[in-house]
Amino acid sequence: MSEFTRIPPEQAQSLREQGAVVVDIRDPQSFAAGHISGSQHLDNHSLHGFITQADLDAPLIVTCYHGNSSQSAAAYLVGQGFSQVYSLDGGFELWRATFPEHTANAAEE
């Protein structure tokens, strides 16, 4: 895969079940208030460490608020050597509506 792929929440859930890593690029307050269970918050401060420690061949799902910013982040991560990068269409908002049982906040994890 030389580019990222946009995927709906259902496909993202399937990839999660197969061990895909989920990163959330929203602001820290939004992430703390609610995020995909098991996802990691990724920002400019944690990006370098994440890239250096990540398995570049593992599936990686990028999410934001509505699925727009995650596309730019996904393209950047492809450029950093990740081979399987996905952008979550509809972002966290659609995820929360589709899979409320797989949504957590900072107090729950």
PDB file of N, CA and C in Angstrom:
ATOM      1  N   MET A   1       0.849  -1.173   0.000  1.00  0.00           N
ATOM      2  CA  MET A   1       0.000   0.000   0.000  1.00  0.00           C
ATOM      3  C   MET A   1       0.897   1.239   0.000  1.00  0.00           C
ATOM      4  N   SER A   2       0.781   2.054  -1.007  1.00  0.00           N
ATOM      5  CA  SER A   2       1.601   3.256  -1.074  1.00  0.00           C
ATOM      6  C   SER A   2       0.831   4.491  -0.643  1.00  0.00           C
ATOM      7  N   GLU A   3      -0.475   4.343  -0.445  1.00  0.00           N
ATOM      8  CA  GLU A   3      -1.307   5.433   0.026  1.00  0.00           C
ATOM      9  C   GLU A   3      -2.220   4.898   1.113  1.00  0.00           C
ATOM     10  N   PHE A   4      -2.864   5.804   1.827  1.00  0.00           N
ATOM     11  CA  PHE A   4      -3.820   5.370   2.839  1.00  0.00           C
ATOM     12  C   PHE A   4      -5.165   5.067   2.175  1.00  0.00           C
ATOM     13  N   THR A   5      -6.026   4.378   2.907  1.00  0.00           N
ATOM     14  CA  THR A   5      -7.360   4.028   2.435  1.00  0.00           C
ATOM     15  C   THR A   5      -8.384   4.569   3.421  1.00  0.00           C
ATOM     16  N   ARG A   6      -9.438   5.167   2.907  1.00  0.00           N
ATOM     17  CA  ARG A   6     -10.533   5.620   3.763  1.00  0.00           C
ATOM     18  C   ARG A   6     -11.468   4.438   3.997  1.00  0.00           C
ATOM     19  N   ILE A   7     -11.841   4.234   5.279  1.00  0.00           N
ATOM     20  CA  ILE A   7     -12.684   3.088   5.614  1.00  0.00           C
ATOM     21  C   ILE A   7     -13.821   3.521   6.536  1.00  0.00           C
ATOM     22  N   PRO A   8     -14.955   2.812   6.462  1.00  0.00           N
ATOM     23  CA  PRO A   8     -16.073   3.091   7.366  1.00  0.00           C
ATOM     24  C   PRO A   8     -15.833   2.454   8.735  1.00  0.00           C
ATOM     25  N   PRO A   9     -16.602   2.842   9.739  1.00  0.00           N
ATOM     26  CA  PRO A   9     -16.421   2.273  11.087  1.00  0.00           C
ATOM     27  C   PRO A   9     -16.490   0.750  11.127  1.00  0.00           C
ATOM     28  N   GLU A  10     -17.358   0.152  10.331  1.00  0.00           N
ATOM     29  CA  GLU A  10     -17.487  -1.310  10.356  1.00  0.00           C
ATOM     30  C   GLU A  10     -16.186  -1.993   9.949  1.00  0.00           C
ATOM     31  N   GLN A  11     -15.522  -1.469   8.928  1.00  0.00           N
ATOM     32  CA  GLN A  11     -14.247  -2.056   8.502  1.00  0.00           C
ATOM     33  C   GLN A  11     -13.166  -1.771   9.545  1.00  0.00           C
ATOM     34  N   ALA A  12     -13.218  -0.597  10.152  1.00  0.00           N
ATOM     35  CA  ALA A  12     -12.251  -0.271  11.205  1.00  0.00           C
ATOM     36  C   ALA A  12     -12.402  -1.228  12.379  1.00  0.00           C
ATOM     37  N   GLN A  13     -13.633  -1.543  12.744  1.00  0.00           N
ATOM     38  CA  GLN A  13     -13.862  -2.474  13.847  1.00  0.00           C
ATOM     39  C   GLN A  13     -13.305  -3.847  13.511  1.00  0.00           C
ATOM     40  N   SER A  14     -13.497  -4.288  12.290  1.00  0.00           N
ATOM     41  CA  SER A  14     -12.951  -5.574  11.859  1.00  0.00           C
ATOM     42  C   SER A  14     -11.425  -5.574  11.962  1.00  0.00           C
ATOM     43  N   LEU A  15     -10.808  -4.492  11.509  1.00  0.00           N
ATOM     44  CA  LEU A  15      -9.339  -4.388  11.609  1.00  0.00           C
ATOM     45  C   LEU A  15      -8.887  -4.338  13.065  1.00  0.00           C
ATOM     46  N   ARG A  16      -9.630  -3.651  13.919  1.00  0.00           N
ATOM     47  CA  ARG A  16      -9.300  -3.611  15.359  1.00  0.00           C
ATOM     48  C   ARG A  16      -9.301  -5.028  15.931  1.00  0.00           C
ATOM     49  N   GLU A  17     -10.296  -5.805  15.553  1.00  0.00           N
ATOM     50  CA  GLU A  17     -10.398  -7.175  16.050  1.00  0.00           C
ATOM     51  C   GLU A  17      -9.220  -8.026  15.595  1.00  0.00           C
ATOM     52  N   GLN A  18      -8.584  -7.617  14.500  1.00  0.00           N
ATOM     53  CA  GLN A  18      -7.415  -8.328  13.979  1.00  0.00           C
ATOM     54  C   GLN A  18      -6.105  -7.718  14.494  1.00  0.00           C
ATOM     55  N   GLY A  19      -6.195  -6.753  15.413  1.00  0.00           N
ATOM     56  CA  GLY A  19      -4.997  -6.202  16.028  1.00  0.00           C
ATOM     57  C   GLY A  19      -4.502  -4.871  15.496  1.00  0.00           C
ATOM     58  N   ALA A  20      -5.301  -4.193  14.671  1.00  0.00           N
ATOM     59  CA  ALA A  20      -4.872  -2.889  14.162  1.00  0.00           C
ATOM     60  C   ALA A  20      -4.702  -1.890  15.306  1.00  0.00           C
ATOM     61  N   VAL A  21      -3.747  -1.003  15.142  1.00  0.00           N
ATOM     62  CA  VAL A  21      -3.509   0.077  16.093  1.00  0.00           C
ATOM     63  C   VAL A  21      -4.389   1.259  15.683  1.00  0.00           C
ATOM     64  N   VAL A  22      -5.027   1.900  16.669  1.00  0.00           N
ATOM     65  CA  VAL A  22      -5.855   3.070  16.396  1.00  0.00           C
ATOM     66  C   VAL A  22      -5.220   4.281  17.073  1.00  0.00           C
ATOM     67  N   VAL A  23      -4.992   5.343  16.283  1.00  0.00           N
ATOM     68  CA  VAL A  23      -4.475   6.584  16.840  1.00  0.00           C
ATOM     69  C   VAL A  23      -5.504   7.687  16.618  1.00  0.00           C
ATOM     70  N   ASP A  24      -5.660   8.535  17.613  1.00  0.00           N
ATOM     71  CA  ASP A  24      -6.639   9.621  17.621  1.00  0.00           C
ATOM     72  C   ASP A  24      -5.876  10.931  17.640  1.00  0.00           C
ATOM     73  N   ILE A  25      -6.115  11.790  16.652  1.00  0.00           N
ATOM     74  CA  ILE A  25      -5.345  13.032  16.542  1.00  0.00           C
ATOM     75  C   ILE A  25      -6.123  14.259  17.012  1.00  0.00           C
ATOM     76  N   ARG A  26      -7.254  14.050  17.680  1.00  0.00           N
ATOM     77  CA  ARG A  26      -8.014  15.189  18.207  1.00  0.00           C
ATOM     78  C   ARG A  26      -7.265  15.817  19.385  1.00  0.00           C
ATOM     79  N   ASP A  27      -7.772  16.936  19.870  1.00  0.00           N
ATOM     80  CA  ASP A  27      -7.106  17.599  20.990  1.00  0.00           C
ATOM     81  C   ASP A  27      -7.237  16.739  22.257  1.00  0.00           C
ATOM     82  N   PRO A  28      -6.325  16.937  23.223  1.00  0.00           N
ATOM     83  CA  PRO A  28      -6.309  16.080  24.420  1.00  0.00           C
ATOM     84  C   PRO A  28      -7.620  16.087  25.207  1.00  0.00           C
ATOM     85  N   GLN A  29      -8.289  17.223  25.277  1.00  0.00           N
ATOM     86  CA  GLN A  29      -9.542  17.307  26.037  1.00  0.00           C
ATOM     87  C   GLN A  29     -10.635  16.461  25.375  1.00  0.00           C
ATOM     88  N   SER A  30     -10.721  16.518  24.057  1.00  0.00           N
ATOM     89  CA  SER A  30     -11.715  15.710  23.348  1.00  0.00           C
ATOM     90  C   SER A  30     -11.414  14.228  23.497  1.00  0.00           C
ATOM     91  N   PHE A  31     -10.126  13.861  23.404  1.00  0.00           N
ATOM     92  CA  PHE A  31      -9.729  12.465  23.571  1.00  0.00           C
ATOM     93  C   PHE A  31     -10.101  11.982  24.969  1.00  0.00           C
ATOM     94  N   ALA A  32      -9.834  12.800  25.992  1.00  0.00           N
ATOM     95  CA  ALA A  32     -10.139  12.411  27.371  1.00  0.00           C
ATOM     96  C   ALA A  32     -11.644  12.253  27.586  1.00  0.00           C
ATOM     97  N   ALA A  33     -12.435  13.067  26.904  1.00  0.00           N
ATOM     98  CA  ALA A  33     -13.886  13.021  27.064  1.00  0.00           C
ATOM     99  C   ALA A  33     -14.503  11.793  26.395  1.00  0.00           C
ATOM    100  N   GLY A  34     -13.859  11.291  25.350  1.00  0.00           N
ATOM    101  CA  GLY A  34     -14.365  10.105  24.679  1.00  0.00           C
ATOM    102  C   GLY A  34     -13.498   9.730  23.497  1.00  0.00           C
ATOM    103  N   HIS A  35     -13.224   8.434  23.343  1.00  0.00           N
ATOM    104  CA  HIS A  35     -12.394   7.950  22.248  1.00  0.00           C
ATOM    105  C   HIS A  35     -12.692   6.476  22.000  1.00  0.00           C
ATOM    106  N   ILE A  36     -12.163   5.971  20.894  1.00  0.00           N
ATOM    107  CA  ILE A  36     -12.315   4.554  20.584  1.00  0.00           C
ATOM    108  C   ILE A  36     -11.533   3.754  21.626  1.00  0.00           C
ATOM    109  N   SER A  37     -12.184   2.781  22.216  1.00  0.00           N
ATOM    110  CA  SER A  37     -11.538   1.966  23.255  1.00  0.00           C
ATOM    111  C   SER A  37     -10.208   1.428  22.753  1.00  0.00           C
ATOM    112  N   GLY A  38      -9.172   1.610  23.556  1.00  0.00           N
ATOM    113  CA  GLY A  38      -7.854   1.091  23.217  1.00  0.00           C
ATOM    114  C   GLY A  38      -7.034   1.969  22.300  1.00  0.00           C
ATOM    115  N   SER A  39      -7.592   3.086  21.857  1.00  0.00           N
ATOM    116  CA  SER A  39      -6.833   3.951  20.955  1.00  0.00           C
ATOM    117  C   SER A  39      -5.793   4.757  21.714  1.00  0.00           C
ATOM    118  N   GLN A  40      -4.807   5.250  20.976  1.00  0.00           N
ATOM    119  CA  GLN A  40      -3.747   6.080  21.539  1.00  0.00           C
ATOM    120  C   GLN A  40      -3.929   7.508  21.058  1.00  0.00           C
ATOM    121  N   HIS A  41      -3.709   8.453  21.955  1.00  0.00           N
ATOM    122  CA  HIS A  41      -3.750   9.852  21.535  1.00  0.00           C
ATOM    123  C   HIS A  41      -2.409  10.189  20.890  1.00  0.00           C
ATOM    124  N   LEU A  42      -2.459  10.854  19.757  1.00  0.00           N
ATOM    125  CA  LEU A  42      -1.244  11.203  19.022  1.00  0.00           C
ATOM    126  C   LEU A  42      -1.285  12.693  18.710  1.00  0.00           C
ATOM    127  N   ASP A  43      -0.225  13.395  19.122  1.00  0.00           N
ATOM    128  CA  ASP A  43      -0.116  14.821  18.813  1.00  0.00           C
ATOM    129  C   ASP A  43       1.326  15.138  18.438  1.00  0.00           C
ATOM    130  N   ASN A  44       1.615  16.395  18.217  1.00  0.00           N
ATOM    131  CA  ASN A  44       2.965  16.781  17.798  1.00  0.00           C
ATOM    132  C   ASN A  44       4.026  16.370  18.811  1.00  0.00           C
ATOM    133  N   HIS A  45       3.664  16.292  20.082  1.00  0.00           N
ATOM    134  CA  HIS A  45       4.638  15.940  21.122  1.00  0.00           C
ATOM    135  C   HIS A  45       4.920  14.442  21.175  1.00  0.00           C
ATOM    136  N   SER A  46       3.930  13.630  20.851  1.00  0.00           N
ATOM    137  CA  SER A  46       4.104  12.176  20.951  1.00  0.00           C
ATOM    138  C   SER A  46       4.394  11.514  19.603  1.00  0.00           C
ATOM    139  N   LEU A  47       4.306  12.272  18.523  1.00  0.00           N
ATOM    140  CA  LEU A  47       4.426  11.707  17.179  1.00  0.00           C
ATOM    141  C   LEU A  47       5.763  11.016  16.943  1.00  0.00           C
ATOM    142  N   HIS A  48       6.867  11.669  17.249  1.00  0.00           N
ATOM    143  CA  HIS A  48       8.188  11.099  16.982  1.00  0.00           C
ATOM    144  C   HIS A  48       8.375   9.775  17.735  1.00  0.00           C
ATOM    145  N   GLY A  49       8.036   9.765  19.013  1.00  0.00           N
ATOM    146  CA  GLY A  49       8.165   8.543  19.801  1.00  0.00           C
ATOM    147  C   GLY A  49       7.293   7.426  19.270  1.00  0.00           C
ATOM    148  N   PHE A  50       6.086   7.772  18.849  1.00  0.00           N
ATOM    149  CA  PHE A  50       5.188   6.765  18.291  1.00  0.00           C
ATOM    150  C   PHE A  50       5.794   6.141  17.042  1.00  0.00           C
ATOM    151  N   ILE A  51       6.293   6.986  16.145  1.00  0.00           N
ATOM    152  CA  ILE A  51       6.854   6.492  14.887  1.00  0.00           C
ATOM    153  C   ILE A  51       8.067   5.600  15.135  1.00  0.00           C
ATOM    154  N   THR A  52       8.948   6.018  16.045  1.00  0.00           N
ATOM    155  CA  THR A  52      10.165   5.236  16.275  1.00  0.00           C
ATOM    156  C   THR A  52       9.889   3.898  16.957  1.00  0.00           C
ATOM    157  N   GLN A  53       8.780   3.801  17.699  1.00  0.00           N
ATOM    158  CA  GLN A  53       8.479   2.560  18.420  1.00  0.00           C
ATOM    159  C   GLN A  53       7.452   1.677  17.727  1.00  0.00           C
ATOM    160  N   ALA A  54       6.820   2.178  16.683  1.00  0.00           N
ATOM    161  CA  ALA A  54       5.719   1.452  16.050  1.00  0.00           C
ATOM    162  C   ALA A  54       6.209   0.363  15.111  1.00  0.00           C
ATOM    163  N   ASP A  55       5.361  -0.622  14.929  1.00  0.00           N
ATOM    164  CA  ASP A  55       5.564  -1.644  13.896  1.00  0.00           C
ATOM    165  C   ASP A  55       5.019  -1.051  12.601  1.00  0.00           C
ATOM    166  N   LEU A  56       5.908  -0.693  11.690  1.00  0.00           N
ATOM    167  CA  LEU A  56       5.503  -0.016  10.464  1.00  0.00           C
ATOM    168  C   LEU A  56       4.661  -0.893   9.549  1.00  0.00           C
ATOM    169  N   ASP A  57       4.659  -2.203   9.781  1.00  0.00           N
ATOM    170  CA  ASP A  57       3.877  -3.115   8.947  1.00  0.00           C
ATOM    171  C   ASP A  57       2.519  -3.458   9.551  1.00  0.00           C
ATOM    172  N   ALA A  58       2.264  -3.025  10.780  1.00  0.00           N
ATOM    173  CA  ALA A  58       0.974  -3.307  11.412  1.00  0.00           C
ATOM    174  C   ALA A  58      -0.086  -2.354  10.864  1.00  0.00           C
ATOM    175  N   PRO A  59      -1.314  -2.825  10.716  1.00  0.00           N
ATOM    176  CA  PRO A  59      -2.381  -1.933  10.269  1.00  0.00           C
ATOM    177  C   PRO A  59      -2.562  -0.780  11.262  1.00  0.00           C
ATOM    178  N   LEU A  60      -2.734   0.423  10.727  1.00  0.00           N
ATOM    179  CA  LEU A  60      -2.845   1.623  11.542  1.00  0.00           C
ATOM    180  C   LEU A  60      -4.068   2.409  11.095  1.00  0.00           C
ATOM    181  N   ILE A  61      -4.980   2.690  12.032  1.00  0.00           N
ATOM    182  CA  ILE A  61      -6.190   3.454  11.754  1.00  0.00           C
ATOM    183  C   ILE A  61      -6.043   4.817  12.403  1.00  0.00           C
ATOM    184  N   VAL A  62      -6.254   5.873  11.627  1.00  0.00           N
ATOM    185  CA  VAL A  62      -6.160   7.245  12.126  1.00  0.00           C
ATOM    186  C   VAL A  62      -7.565   7.820  12.203  1.00  0.00           C
ATOM    187  N   THR A  63      -7.900   8.415  13.354  1.00  0.00           N
ATOM    188  CA  THR A  63      -9.211   9.041  13.509  1.00  0.00           C
ATOM    189  C   THR A  63      -9.083  10.464  14.035  1.00  0.00           C
ATOM    190  N   CYS A  64     -10.072  11.276  13.692  1.00  0.00           N
ATOM    191  CA  CYS A  64     -10.154  12.660  14.165  1.00  0.00           C
ATOM    192  C   CYS A  64     -11.625  12.908  14.521  1.00  0.00           C
ATOM    193  N   TYR A  65     -12.102  14.127  14.386  1.00  0.00           N
ATOM    194  CA  TYR A  65     -13.494  14.434  14.713  1.00  0.00           C
ATOM    195  C   TYR A  65     -14.469  13.861  13.686  1.00  0.00           C
ATOM    196  N   HIS A  66     -14.289  14.220  12.412  1.00  0.00           N
ATOM    197  CA  HIS A  66     -15.257  13.872  11.378  1.00  0.00           C
ATOM    198  C   HIS A  66     -14.644  13.165  10.171  1.00  0.00           C
ATOM    199  N   GLY A  67     -13.351  12.851  10.201  1.00  0.00           N
ATOM    200  CA  GLY A  67     -12.726  12.127   9.111  1.00  0.00           C
ATOM    201  C   GLY A  67     -12.007  12.992   8.088  1.00  0.00           C
ATOM    202  N   ASN A  68     -11.812  14.271   8.388  1.00  0.00           N
ATOM    203  CA  ASN A  68     -11.112  15.154   7.453  1.00  0.00           C
ATOM    204  C   ASN A  68      -9.627  15.270   7.786  1.00  0.00           C
ATOM    205  N   SER A  69      -9.306  15.699   8.987  1.00  0.00           N
ATOM    206  CA  SER A  69      -7.910  15.871   9.405  1.00  0.00           C
ATOM    207  C   SER A  69      -7.158  14.546   9.406  1.00  0.00           C
ATOM    208  N   SER A  70      -7.868  13.469   9.657  1.00  0.00           N
ATOM    209  CA  SER A  70      -7.204  12.162   9.698  1.00  0.00           C
ATOM    210  C   SER A  70      -6.635  11.776   8.334  1.00  0.00           C
ATOM    211  N   GLN A  71      -7.196  12.312   7.264  1.00  0.00           N
ATOM    212  CA  GLN A  71      -6.665  11.996   5.941  1.00  0.00           C
ATOM    213  C   GLN A  71      -5.271  12.586   5.757  1.00  0.00           C
ATOM    214  N   SER A  72      -5.068  13.815   6.203  1.00  0.00           N
ATOM    215  CA  SER A  72      -3.737  14.432   6.114  1.00  0.00           C
ATOM    216  C   SER A  72      -2.748  13.688   6.998  1.00  0.00           C
ATOM    217  N   ALA A  73      -3.188  13.336   8.204  1.00  0.00           N
ATOM    218  CA  ALA A  73      -2.312  12.601   9.121  1.00  0.00           C
ATOM    219  C   ALA A  73      -1.972  11.226   8.561  1.00  0.00           C
ATOM    220  N   ALA A  74      -2.947  10.569   7.962  1.00  0.00           N
ATOM    221  CA  ALA A  74      -2.708   9.246   7.371  1.00  0.00           C
ATOM    222  C   ALA A  74      -1.695   9.347   6.234  1.00  0.00           C
ATOM    223  N   ALA A  75      -1.841  10.362   5.400  1.00  0.00           N
ATOM    224  CA  ALA A  75      -0.888  10.544   4.293  1.00  0.00           C
ATOM    225  C   ALA A  75       0.511  10.789   4.844  1.00  0.00           C
ATOM    226  N   TYR A  76       0.625  11.567   5.915  1.00  0.00           N
ATOM    227  CA  TYR A  76       1.925  11.824   6.537  1.00  0.00           C
ATOM    228  C   TYR A  76       2.532  10.515   7.049  1.00  0.00           C
ATOM    229  N   LEU A  77       1.726   9.697   7.704  1.00  0.00           N
ATOM    230  CA  LEU A  77       2.240   8.445   8.269  1.00  0.00           C
ATOM    231  C   LEU A  77       2.662   7.468   7.183  1.00  0.00           C
ATOM    232  N   VAL A  78       1.972   7.460   6.064  1.00  0.00           N
ATOM    233  CA  VAL A  78       2.420   6.651   4.923  1.00  0.00           C
ATOM    234  C   VAL A  78       3.815   7.115   4.505  1.00  0.00           C
ATOM    235  N   GLY A  79       4.007   8.424   4.465  1.00  0.00           N
ATOM    236  CA  GLY A  79       5.301   8.993   4.106  1.00  0.00           C
ATOM    237  C   GLY A  79       6.401   8.664   5.103  1.00  0.00           C
ATOM    238  N   GLN A  80       6.010   8.326   6.329  1.00  0.00           N
ATOM    239  CA  GLN A  80       6.981   7.960   7.359  1.00  0.00           C
ATOM    240  C   GLN A  80       7.303   6.469   7.350  1.00  0.00           C
ATOM    241  N   GLY A  81       6.694   5.728   6.419  1.00  0.00           N
ATOM    242  CA  GLY A  81       7.053   4.326   6.269  1.00  0.00           C
ATOM    243  C   GLY A  81       6.011   3.315   6.690  1.00  0.00           C
ATOM    244  N   PHE A  82       4.870   3.763   7.206  1.00  0.00           N
ATOM    245  CA  PHE A  82       3.819   2.813   7.564  1.00  0.00           C
ATOM    246  C   PHE A  82       3.231   2.224   6.285  1.00  0.00           C
ATOM    247  N   SER A  83       3.012   0.918   6.282  1.00  0.00           N
ATOM    248  CA  SER A  83       2.596   0.267   5.042  1.00  0.00           C
ATOM    249  C   SER A  83       1.086   0.078   4.918  1.00  0.00           C
ATOM    250  N   GLN A  84       0.360   0.022   6.035  1.00  0.00           N
ATOM    251  CA  GLN A  84      -1.089  -0.181   6.000  1.00  0.00           C
ATOM    252  C   GLN A  84      -1.770   0.894   6.831  1.00  0.00           C
ATOM    253  N   VAL A  85      -2.102   2.013   6.210  1.00  0.00           N
ATOM    254  CA  VAL A  85      -2.688   3.137   6.941  1.00  0.00           C
ATOM    255  C   VAL A  85      -4.105   3.383   6.448  1.00  0.00           C
ATOM    256  N   TYR A  86      -5.007   3.571   7.398  1.00  0.00           N
ATOM    257  CA  TYR A  86      -6.421   3.790   7.108  1.00  0.00           C
ATOM    258  C   TYR A  86      -6.893   5.057   7.814  1.00  0.00           C
ATOM    259  N   SER A  87      -7.747   5.815   7.134  1.00  0.00           N
ATOM    260  CA  SER A  87      -8.387   6.989   7.712  1.00  0.00           C
ATOM    261  C   SER A  87      -9.845   6.638   7.968  1.00  0.00           C
ATOM    262  N   LEU A  88     -10.309   6.878   9.184  1.00  0.00           N
ATOM    263  CA  LEU A  88     -11.676   6.513   9.560  1.00  0.00           C
ATOM    264  C   LEU A  88     -12.662   7.539   9.016  1.00  0.00           C
ATOM    265  N   ASP A  89     -13.443   7.138   8.024  1.00  0.00           N
ATOM    266  CA  ASP A  89     -14.486   8.014   7.481  1.00  0.00           C
ATOM    267  C   ASP A  89     -15.502   8.344   8.573  1.00  0.00           C
ATOM    268  N   GLY A  90     -15.871   9.598   8.656  1.00  0.00           N
ATOM    269  CA  GLY A  90     -16.834  10.024   9.668  1.00  0.00           C
ATOM    270  C   GLY A  90     -16.211  10.275  11.022  1.00  0.00           C
ATOM    271  N   GLY A  91     -14.953   9.899  11.176  1.00  0.00           N
ATOM    272  CA  GLY A  91     -14.210  10.161  12.406  1.00  0.00           C
ATOM    273  C   GLY A  91     -14.848   9.566  13.655  1.00  0.00           C
ATOM    274  N   PHE A  92     -14.435  10.120  14.791  1.00  0.00           N
ATOM    275  CA  PHE A  92     -14.928   9.625  16.077  1.00  0.00           C
ATOM    276  C   PHE A  92     -16.434   9.817  16.209  1.00  0.00           C
ATOM    277  N   GLU A  93     -16.959  10.883  15.640  1.00  0.00           N
ATOM    278  CA  GLU A  93     -18.402  11.149  15.773  1.00  0.00           C
ATOM    279  C   GLU A  93     -19.224  10.011  15.167  1.00  0.00           C
ATOM    280  N   LEU A  94     -18.862   9.555  13.975  1.00  0.00           N
ATOM    281  CA  LEU A  94     -19.589   8.438  13.361  1.00  0.00           C
ATOM    282  C   LEU A  94     -19.298   7.144  14.104  1.00  0.00           C
ATOM    283  N   TRP A  95     -18.057   6.970  14.561  1.00  0.00           N
ATOM    284  CA  TRP A  95     -17.711   5.773  15.339  1.00  0.00           C
ATOM    285  C   TRP A  95     -18.596   5.677  16.574  1.00  0.00           C
ATOM    286  N   ARG A  96     -18.707   6.783  17.317  1.00  0.00           N
ATOM    287  CA  ARG A  96     -19.492   6.786  18.562  1.00  0.00           C
ATOM    288  C   ARG A  96     -20.950   6.436  18.281  1.00  0.00           C
ATOM    289  N   ALA A  97     -21.498   6.919  17.165  1.00  0.00           N
ATOM    290  CA  ALA A  97     -22.881   6.615  16.799  1.00  0.00           C
ATOM    291  C   ALA A  97     -23.034   5.156  16.373  1.00  0.00           C
ATOM    292  N   THR A  98     -21.993   4.596  15.764  1.00  0.00           N
ATOM    293  CA  THR A  98     -22.052   3.232  15.239  1.00  0.00           C
ATOM    294  C   THR A  98     -21.706   2.188  16.297  1.00  0.00           C
ATOM    295  N   PHE A  99     -20.691   2.464  17.106  1.00  0.00           N
ATOM    296  CA  PHE A  99     -20.201   1.501  18.107  1.00  0.00           C
ATOM    297  C   PHE A  99     -20.090   2.148  19.497  1.00  0.00           C
ATOM    298  N   PRO A 100     -21.202   2.565  20.085  1.00  0.00           N
ATOM    299  CA  PRO A 100     -21.098   3.197  21.414  1.00  0.00           C
ATOM    300  C   PRO A 100     -20.497   2.267  22.469  1.00  0.00           C
ATOM    301  N   GLU A 101     -20.644   0.962  22.263  1.00  0.00           N
ATOM    302  CA  GLU A 101     -20.096   0.001  23.225  1.00  0.00           C
ATOM    303  C   GLU A 101     -18.571  -0.095  23.143  1.00  0.00           C
ATOM    304  N   HIS A 102     -17.970   0.463  22.099  1.00  0.00           N
ATOM    305  CA  HIS A 102     -16.510   0.455  21.941  1.00  0.00           C
ATOM    306  C   HIS A 102     -15.948   1.876  22.060  1.00  0.00           C
ATOM    307  N   THR A 103     -16.607   2.659  22.922  1.00  0.00           N
ATOM    308  CA  THR A 103     -16.199   4.034  23.162  1.00  0.00           C
ATOM    309  C   THR A 103     -15.892   4.169  24.647  1.00  0.00           C
ATOM    310  N   ALA A 104     -14.789   4.836  24.951  1.00  0.00           N
ATOM    311  CA  ALA A 104     -14.367   4.990  26.338  1.00  0.00           C
ATOM    312  C   ALA A 104     -14.002   6.440  26.602  1.00  0.00           C
ATOM    313  N   ASN A 105     -13.873   6.765  27.896  1.00  0.00           N
ATOM    314  CA  ASN A 105     -13.287   8.059  28.245  1.00  0.00           C
ATOM    315  C   ASN A 105     -12.108   7.795  29.173  1.00  0.00           C
ATOM    316  N   ALA A 106     -11.402   8.856  29.530  1.00  0.00           N
ATOM    317  CA  ALA A 106     -10.154   8.697  30.283  1.00  0.00           C
ATOM    318  C   ALA A 106     -10.381   7.973  31.617  1.00  0.00           C
ATOM    319  N   ALA A 107     -11.517   8.172  32.236  1.00  0.00           N
ATOM    320  CA  ALA A 107     -11.777   7.528  33.520  1.00  0.00           C
ATOM    321  C   ALA A 107     -12.022   6.034  33.393  1.00  0.00           C
ATOM    322  N   GLU A 108     -12.400   5.587  32.203  1.00  0.00           N
ATOM    323  CA  GLU A 108     -12.747   4.186  32.007  1.00  0.00           C
ATOM    324  C   GLU A 108     -11.571   3.322  31.586  1.00  0.00           C
ATOM    325  N   GLU A 109     -10.473   3.955  31.127  1.00  0.00           N
ATOM    326  CA  GLU A 109      -9.342   3.147  30.668  1.00  0.00           C
ATOM    327  C   GLU A 109      -8.144   3.292  31.576  1.00  0.00           C
TER     328      GLU A 109
END
